[in-house]
């Protein structure tokens, strides 16, 4: 399997994990996300074993470095914006300890922050894939180079 195919499997697995996590919350069943997380790790591990890596040269290293750098440059902006939003939400709550009984609607809104972070991590993987494909084309790495 090509490295880009592996990254696509990784991104899809992470997106599925986010969906299963949401279902686990809705069903109030932590066992569902726990088992699916372990299965996701096994899927990624098995996929990683089948990745065919070619010879590492300066071009492939440059593509990986540029892809990682661009992913971080885009992702920190998106993550920072999400963090700013969560700070505004946090400061709109009363300071101090929370009451022991939280209304259902409020707890679901507060739980969206964790869900958004998981979705952002999936976005980070997809950004890396996109930048890797872009720089592979820009610097002349063809699909045959990765086989």
Protein backbone atom coordinates (compact mmCIF):
# COMPACT_ATOMS: atom_id res chain seq x y z
CA UNK A 1 0.00 0.00 0.00
CA UNK A 2 1.17 3.52 -0.75
CA UNK A 3 1.91 5.94 2.13
CA UNK A 4 -0.85 8.31 1.02
CA UNK A 5 -3.33 5.44 1.13
CA UNK A 6 -2.21 4.70 4.69
CA UNK A 7 -2.75 8.34 5.68
CA UNK A 8 -6.22 8.21 4.13
CA UNK A 9 -7.05 5.06 6.14
CA UNK A 10 -5.72 6.80 9.25
CA UNK A 11 -7.93 9.84 8.64
CA UNK A 12 -11.03 7.76 7.95
CA UNK A 13 -10.40 5.65 11.05
CA UNK A 14 -10.06 8.80 13.16
CA UNK A 15 -13.28 10.22 11.69
CA UNK A 16 -15.09 6.95 12.45
CA UNK A 17 -13.76 7.09 16.01
CA UNK A 18 -15.24 10.57 16.43
CA UNK A 19 -18.62 9.31 15.22
CA UNK A 20 -18.50 6.28 17.50
CA UNK A 21 -17.47 8.53 20.37
CA UNK A 22 -20.55 10.67 19.74
CA UNK A 23 -22.76 7.56 19.60
CA UNK A 24 -21.20 6.34 22.83
CA UNK A 25 -22.18 9.60 24.52
CA UNK A 26 -25.71 9.49 23.10
CA UNK A 27 -26.17 5.88 24.22
CA UNK A 28 -24.40 6.50 27.54
CA UNK A 29 -22.23 3.46 26.83
CA UNK A 30 -18.47 3.96 27.40
CA UNK A 31 -17.77 0.35 26.38
CA UNK A 32 -18.61 1.22 22.76
CA UNK A 33 -15.85 3.85 22.40
CA UNK A 34 -13.37 1.81 24.42
CA UNK A 35 -13.70 -1.24 22.19
CA UNK A 36 -13.79 0.81 18.99
CA UNK A 37 -10.65 2.70 20.00
CA UNK A 38 -8.77 -0.55 20.51
CA UNK A 39 -10.06 -1.83 17.15
CA UNK A 40 -9.00 1.45 15.52
CA UNK A 41 -5.47 1.10 16.90
CA UNK A 42 -5.32 -2.47 15.55
CA UNK A 43 -6.56 -1.33 12.11
CA UNK A 44 -3.95 1.44 11.95
CA UNK A 45 -1.22 -0.93 13.14
CA UNK A 46 -2.09 -3.54 10.50
CA UNK A 47 -2.30 -0.90 7.78
CA UNK A 48 1.08 0.51 8.82
CA UNK A 49 2.63 -2.96 8.44
CA UNK A 50 1.54 -3.04 4.78
CA UNK A 51 2.96 0.35 3.80
CA UNK A 52 5.60 -0.01 1.13
CA UNK A 53 8.28 2.58 1.60
CA UNK A 54 10.63 3.30 -1.22
CA UNK A 55 14.07 4.72 -0.93
CA UNK A 56 14.22 7.84 1.18
CA UNK A 57 15.95 10.60 -0.74
CA UNK A 58 16.19 14.34 -0.25
CA UNK A 59 13.07 14.96 -2.30
CA UNK A 60 10.82 12.70 -0.23
CA UNK A 61 12.24 14.16 2.98
CA UNK A 62 11.58 17.67 1.67
CA UNK A 63 7.99 16.72 0.80
CA UNK A 64 7.40 15.28 4.27
CA UNK A 65 8.95 18.31 5.99
CA UNK A 66 7.02 20.86 3.94
CA UNK A 67 3.76 18.92 4.39
CA UNK A 68 4.22 18.75 8.16
CA UNK A 69 5.18 22.42 8.39
CA UNK A 70 2.20 23.61 6.34
CA UNK A 71 -0.15 21.37 8.34
CA UNK A 72 1.06 22.90 11.58
CA UNK A 73 0.84 26.43 10.17
CA UNK A 74 -2.79 25.96 9.16
CA UNK A 75 -3.77 23.86 12.16
CA UNK A 76 -2.48 26.20 14.85
CA UNK A 77 -4.67 28.98 13.47
CA UNK A 78 -7.77 26.75 13.43
CA UNK A 79 -7.02 25.35 16.89
CA UNK A 80 -6.34 28.83 18.29
CA UNK A 81 -9.70 30.08 16.98
CA UNK A 82 -11.46 27.13 18.61
CA UNK A 83 -9.63 27.79 21.88
CA UNK A 84 -10.65 31.45 21.81
CA UNK A 85 -14.26 30.39 21.38
CA UNK A 86 -14.03 27.97 24.29
CA UNK A 87 -12.53 30.71 26.50
CA UNK A 88 -15.49 32.97 25.70
CA UNK A 89 -17.90 30.14 26.54
CA UNK A 90 -15.98 29.40 29.75
CA UNK A 91 -16.03 33.01 30.94
CA UNK A 92 -19.77 33.20 30.34
CA UNK A 93 -20.27 30.57 33.04
CA UNK A 94 -20.32 31.43 36.73
CA UNK A 95 -16.86 31.33 38.28
CA UNK A 96 -16.20 28.82 41.03
CA UNK A 97 -17.40 25.27 41.45
CA UNK A 98 -20.16 23.89 39.33
CA UNK A 99 -23.38 22.89 40.99
CA UNK A 100 -23.73 19.12 41.49
CA UNK A 101 -26.65 18.82 39.03
CA UNK A 102 -25.97 20.23 35.59
CA UNK A 103 -28.97 20.65 33.27
CA UNK A 104 -28.86 18.24 30.32
CA UNK A 105 -28.68 20.95 27.65
CA UNK A 106 -25.75 22.72 29.31
CA UNK A 107 -23.71 19.53 29.73
CA UNK A 108 -24.16 18.65 26.06
CA UNK A 109 -23.04 22.12 24.99
CA UNK A 110 -19.99 21.90 27.24
CA UNK A 111 -19.21 18.41 25.88
CA UNK A 112 -19.10 19.78 22.34
CA UNK A 113 -15.64 21.22 23.06
CA UNK A 114 -14.11 17.74 23.34
CA UNK A 115 -15.97 16.63 20.24
CA UNK A 116 -14.66 19.67 18.36
CA UNK A 117 -11.09 18.87 19.42
CA UNK A 118 -11.41 15.32 18.12
CA UNK A 119 -12.79 16.64 14.85
CA UNK A 120 -9.87 19.08 14.63
CA UNK A 121 -7.41 16.23 15.08
CA UNK A 122 -9.06 14.47 12.13
CA UNK A 123 -8.75 17.71 10.18
CA UNK A 124 -5.04 17.79 11.00
CA UNK A 125 -4.53 14.36 9.45
CA UNK A 126 -6.51 15.31 6.36
CA UNK A 127 -4.53 18.54 6.00
CA UNK A 128 -1.29 16.60 6.12
CA UNK A 129 -2.54 14.26 3.40
CA UNK A 130 -3.56 17.20 1.23
CA UNK A 131 -0.26 19.02 1.65
CA UNK A 132 1.68 15.82 1.05
CA UNK A 133 -0.14 15.25 -2.24
CA UNK A 134 0.37 18.91 -3.21
CA UNK A 135 4.10 18.91 -2.51
CA UNK A 136 4.54 15.50 -4.15
CA UNK A 137 3.14 16.98 -7.35
CA UNK A 138 5.07 20.23 -6.96
CA UNK A 139 8.44 18.53 -6.47
CA UNK A 140 7.85 15.83 -9.06
CA UNK A 141 7.25 12.74 -6.94
CA UNK A 142 4.92 10.51 -8.92
CA UNK A 143 2.70 7.75 -7.59
CA UNK A 144 5.17 5.23 -9.04
CA UNK A 145 7.89 6.61 -6.74
CA UNK A 146 5.95 5.45 -3.68
CA UNK A 147 5.42 1.87 -4.83
